[in-house]
Amino acid sequence: MRIEDLNWMDVEAYLKQDDRLILVLGAIEQHGYLSLATDVQIPMALADAASKKTGVLVAPAVPYGVSPYFLAYPGTFSLRLSTFLEVVEDIVRSAYQQGFRKILVLNGHGGNDPARGRLVELANELSGLRLSWYAWWTSDSVEAVARKYGLSREHASWMEAFPFTRVADLPPGEKLSVHVKGILNARETREAYGDGVFGGAYSAPMEVMDELFAACLADVLYLLDF
């Protein structure tokens, strides 16, 4: 159940019986041969699946994230970190003012991780606010699936190549992992990573992807039990 499919009266009625909310934080950035919106699409798919099972309301996703290192790849849009933190805070404050007290943040992008610190500050300030954070690709569940099938977890590789993120044919085989030192600027990042995939298999069998999604969904459902 998404907020954009409701009117304000529907949300008011929801809040009389539930104070939980799912908030997706994503990014619009290069993902090799996958959609530029991959970091929005994956957590939104998890949010929708979890909402279908629990009835928890899903807020509109924050599509733009912090991706300055990919700006040399056309189609990437990045917010300054300071801007992003203010956006997240304002959304949470808005939700809190309306009566939402339990917010699960489904983060789809590693560059957004500093928002966790801002959320802790809000939890200190706003009485009764409870927050959870889930970055799916870092979870033990995903690591277990990858280890089971001997696959490495890399940006824009098999682990993000769900049917709904694919916008082109994927190359066969694997790419050698790229290792870099230091902090690269956007031009240096593109020179280092080429097609944008950091390494590993470009794709995995559908049964592996189904298992991966199910594992992540189980995590989300667990976290929604505030």
Protein backbone atom coordinates (compact mmCIF):
# COMPACT_ATOMS: atom_id res chain seq x y z
CA MET A 1 0.00 0.00 0.00
CA ARG A 2 1.66 3.17 -1.24
CA ILE A 3 0.91 6.69 -0.07
CA GLU A 4 0.62 7.87 -3.68
CA ASP A 5 -2.36 5.55 -4.13
CA LEU A 6 -4.23 7.10 -1.20
CA ASN A 7 -5.73 10.45 -0.23
CA TRP A 8 -5.07 12.26 3.04
CA MET A 9 -8.21 10.85 4.63
CA ASP A 10 -7.04 7.31 3.90
CA VAL A 11 -3.73 8.02 5.66
CA GLU A 12 -5.54 9.54 8.63
CA ALA A 13 -7.64 6.39 8.90
CA TYR A 14 -4.51 4.21 8.65
CA LEU A 15 -2.86 6.09 11.50
CA LYS A 16 -5.75 5.26 13.79
CA GLN A 17 -4.76 1.60 13.67
CA ASP A 18 -1.05 1.55 12.73
CA ASP A 19 1.89 3.93 13.20
CA ARG A 20 4.44 2.09 11.03
CA LEU A 21 5.92 3.45 7.81
CA ILE A 22 8.43 2.16 5.26
CA LEU A 23 10.73 4.79 3.74
CA VAL A 24 12.96 3.93 0.77
CA LEU A 25 16.20 5.81 0.17
CA GLY A 26 17.69 5.24 -3.25
CA ALA A 27 19.96 6.73 -5.86
CA ILE A 28 20.00 7.43 -9.58
CA GLU A 29 23.44 6.27 -10.65
CA GLN A 30 25.24 4.04 -13.09
CA HIS A 31 24.82 0.31 -12.58
CA GLY A 32 26.67 -1.03 -15.58
CA TYR A 33 24.12 -2.63 -17.88
CA LEU A 34 21.30 -2.35 -15.32
CA SER A 35 18.82 0.45 -14.79
CA LEU A 36 20.12 3.75 -13.48
CA ALA A 37 17.30 3.48 -10.92
CA THR A 38 18.42 0.08 -9.59
CA ASP A 39 19.01 1.47 -6.10
CA VAL A 40 15.40 2.63 -5.99
CA GLN A 41 13.82 -0.36 -7.69
CA ILE A 42 15.22 -3.09 -5.42
CA PRO A 43 14.22 -1.59 -2.04
CA MET A 44 10.86 -0.51 -3.48
CA ALA A 45 10.19 -4.07 -4.63
CA LEU A 46 10.98 -5.27 -1.11
CA ALA A 47 8.79 -2.54 0.39
CA ASP A 48 5.85 -3.43 -1.83
CA ALA A 49 6.20 -7.15 -1.10
CA ALA A 50 6.39 -6.49 2.64
CA SER A 51 3.43 -4.12 2.52
CA LYS A 52 1.37 -6.72 0.71
CA LYS A 53 1.98 -9.17 3.55
CA THR A 54 1.61 -6.73 6.46
CA GLY A 55 -0.42 -3.76 5.29
CA VAL A 56 2.31 -1.34 6.39
CA LEU A 57 2.20 1.93 4.47
CA VAL A 58 5.02 2.74 2.04
CA ALA A 59 6.12 6.37 1.63
CA PRO A 60 7.19 7.68 -1.79
CA ALA A 61 10.83 6.82 -2.35
CA VAL A 62 13.61 9.37 -2.15
CA PRO A 63 15.06 8.64 -5.60
CA TYR A 64 18.19 10.77 -5.45
CA GLY A 65 21.12 9.88 -3.23
CA VAL A 66 24.78 10.68 -2.68
CA SER A 67 26.80 9.48 -5.71
CA PRO A 68 29.51 12.06 -6.52
CA TYR A 69 31.98 9.37 -7.60
CA PHE A 70 29.78 8.28 -10.51
CA LEU A 71 29.08 11.71 -12.01
CA ALA A 72 31.31 10.98 -15.03
CA TYR A 73 28.75 8.36 -16.07
CA PRO A 74 25.84 10.05 -17.92
CA GLY A 75 22.49 9.59 -16.21
CA THR A 76 23.90 9.76 -12.69
CA PHE A 77 22.45 12.49 -10.48
CA SER A 78 23.89 13.20 -7.04
CA LEU A 79 22.81 15.29 -4.08
CA ARG A 80 25.35 16.93 -1.83
CA LEU A 81 25.58 15.02 1.43
CA SER A 82 24.36 18.04 3.38
CA THR A 83 21.31 18.32 1.12
CA PHE A 84 20.52 14.63 1.41
CA LEU A 85 20.71 14.66 5.20
CA GLU A 86 18.35 17.63 5.37
CA VAL A 87 15.87 15.93 3.04
CA VAL A 88 15.83 12.75 5.12
CA GLU A 89 15.41 14.71 8.34
CA ASP A 90 12.54 16.78 6.95
CA ILE A 91 10.70 13.67 5.74
CA VAL A 92 11.06 11.93 9.09
CA ARG A 93 9.96 15.05 10.95
CA SER A 94 6.91 15.33 8.70
CA ALA A 95 5.98 11.70 9.31
CA TYR A 96 6.48 12.08 13.07
CA GLN A 97 4.29 15.18 13.23
CA GLN A 98 1.44 13.23 11.61
CA GLY A 99 1.68 10.37 14.09
CA PHE A 100 4.06 7.85 12.54
CA ARG A 101 6.25 6.48 15.31
CA LYS A 102 7.89 3.38 13.82
CA ILE A 103 9.82 3.94 10.59
CA LEU A 104 11.76 1.29 8.71
CA VAL A 105 14.26 2.83 6.32
CA LEU A 106 15.08 0.59 3.37
CA ASN A 107 18.29 1.98 1.96
CA GLY A 108 19.30 1.01 -1.55
CA HIS A 109 22.61 2.83 -1.83
CA GLY A 110 25.84 2.78 0.16
CA GLY A 111 26.53 6.49 -0.34
CA ASN A 112 23.42 7.23 1.74
CA ASP A 113 24.81 5.54 4.84
CA PRO A 114 25.68 8.79 6.68
CA ALA A 115 21.94 9.35 7.12
CA ARG A 116 22.04 6.78 9.90
CA GLY A 117 23.82 9.27 12.12
CA ARG A 118 21.19 11.92 11.45
CA LEU A 119 18.46 9.41 12.28
CA VAL A 120 20.08 8.70 15.64
CA GLU A 121 20.02 12.43 16.37
CA LEU A 122 16.31 12.51 15.57
CA ALA A 123 15.65 9.48 17.77
CA ASN A 124 17.33 11.35 20.62
CA GLU A 125 15.15 14.38 20.04
CA LEU A 126 11.70 13.03 19.07
CA SER A 127 10.04 11.19 21.93
CA GLY A 128 8.69 7.76 21.06
CA LEU A 129 10.29 7.62 17.60
CA ARG A 130 11.61 4.16 16.76
CA LEU A 131 13.74 3.59 13.68
CA SER A 132 15.22 0.62 11.85
CA TRP A 133 17.68 0.66 8.97
CA TYR A 134 18.12 -2.06 6.36
CA ALA A 135 20.73 -1.99 3.59
CA TRP A 136 19.86 -5.25 1.89
CA TRP A 137 23.19 -5.99 0.12
CA THR A 138 25.11 -5.82 3.42
CA SER A 139 22.91 -8.31 5.27
CA ASP A 140 24.04 -11.67 6.58
CA SER A 141 21.21 -13.22 4.57
CA VAL A 142 22.64 -11.95 1.29
CA GLU A 143 26.14 -13.02 2.29
CA ALA A 144 24.82 -16.51 2.99
CA VAL A 145 23.20 -16.79 -0.45
CA ALA A 146 26.34 -15.50 -2.17
CA ARG A 147 28.56 -17.91 -0.24
CA LYS A 148 26.22 -20.82 -0.97
CA TYR A 149 26.64 -20.34 -4.71
CA GLY A 150 30.27 -19.17 -4.67
CA LEU A 151 29.41 -15.67 -5.88
CA SER A 152 31.10 -12.42 -4.90
CA ARG A 153 29.04 -9.37 -3.94
CA GLU A 154 29.96 -6.42 -6.12
CA HIS A 155 28.30 -3.23 -7.33
CA ALA A 156 26.15 -3.72 -10.47
CA SER A 157 26.91 -7.44 -10.61
CA TRP A 158 24.60 -10.48 -10.48
CA MET A 159 23.26 -9.55 -7.05
CA GLU A 160 21.47 -6.50 -8.45
CA ALA A 161 20.47 -8.10 -11.76
CA PHE A 162 16.83 -8.87 -10.96
CA PRO A 163 14.40 -9.10 -13.89
CA PHE A 164 12.97 -5.69 -12.97
CA THR A 165 16.38 -3.94 -13.02
CA ARG A 166 17.52 -5.28 -16.38
CA VAL A 167 17.26 -2.85 -19.28
CA ALA A 168 19.76 -4.51 -21.65
CA ASP A 169 21.32 -7.86 -22.37
CA LEU A 170 24.02 -8.73 -19.86
CA PRO A 171 27.49 -9.89 -20.86
CA PRO A 172 28.26 -13.56 -20.25
CA GLY A 173 30.67 -14.78 -17.62
CA GLU A 174 32.43 -12.74 -14.98
CA LYS A 175 34.49 -9.60 -14.66
CA LEU A 176 37.68 -9.54 -12.62
CA SER A 177 37.18 -7.47 -9.49
CA VAL A 178 38.69 -4.00 -9.67
CA HIS A 179 40.70 -2.88 -6.64
CA VAL A 180 41.60 0.76 -6.16
CA LYS A 181 43.49 2.76 -3.54
CA GLY A 182 42.49 6.06 -2.07
CA ILE A 183 39.56 8.32 -2.86
CA LEU A 184 38.91 8.68 -6.58
CA ASN A 185 37.18 11.57 -8.29
CA ALA A 186 34.44 10.89 -10.84
CA ARG A 187 36.78 10.81 -13.84
CA GLU A 188 39.21 8.44 -12.11
CA THR A 189 36.31 6.22 -11.04
CA ARG A 190 35.12 5.80 -14.61
CA GLU A 191 38.67 5.08 -15.79
CA ALA A 192 39.05 2.41 -13.10
CA TYR A 193 35.73 0.62 -13.49
CA GLY A 194 35.01 1.02 -17.19
CA ASP A 195 31.54 -0.41 -17.77
CA GLY A 196 30.66 0.37 -14.15
CA VAL A 197 30.51 -3.20 -12.83
CA PHE A 198 32.94 -3.63 -9.96
CA GLY A 199 33.50 -7.33 -10.63
CA GLY A 200 32.04 -10.80 -10.32
CA ALA A 201 29.39 -12.59 -12.35
CA TYR A 202 27.19 -10.40 -14.49
CA SER A 203 24.13 -12.53 -13.77
CA ALA A 204 22.94 -15.54 -11.80
CA PRO A 205 20.23 -18.16 -12.45
CA MET A 206 16.68 -17.08 -11.69
CA GLU A 207 16.36 -19.54 -8.82
CA VAL A 208 19.32 -17.84 -7.14
CA MET A 209 17.73 -14.42 -7.57
CA ASP A 210 14.43 -15.69 -6.19
CA GLU A 211 16.24 -17.10 -3.17
CA LEU A 212 18.08 -13.82 -2.67
CA PHE A 213 14.89 -11.76 -2.80
CA ALA A 214 13.09 -14.12 -0.42
CA ALA A 215 15.95 -13.87 2.06
CA CYS A 216 15.85 -10.07 1.98
CA LEU A 217 12.08 -10.01 2.31
CA ALA A 218 12.31 -12.20 5.41
CA ASP A 219 14.71 -9.65 6.90
CA VAL A 220 12.31 -6.78 6.16
CA LEU A 221 9.36 -8.60 7.68
CA TYR A 222 11.38 -9.27 10.81
CA LEU A 223 12.32 -5.60 11.13
CA LEU A 224 8.72 -4.48 10.71
CA ASP A 225 7.84 -6.28 13.91
CA PHE A 226 8.73 -3.29 16.08
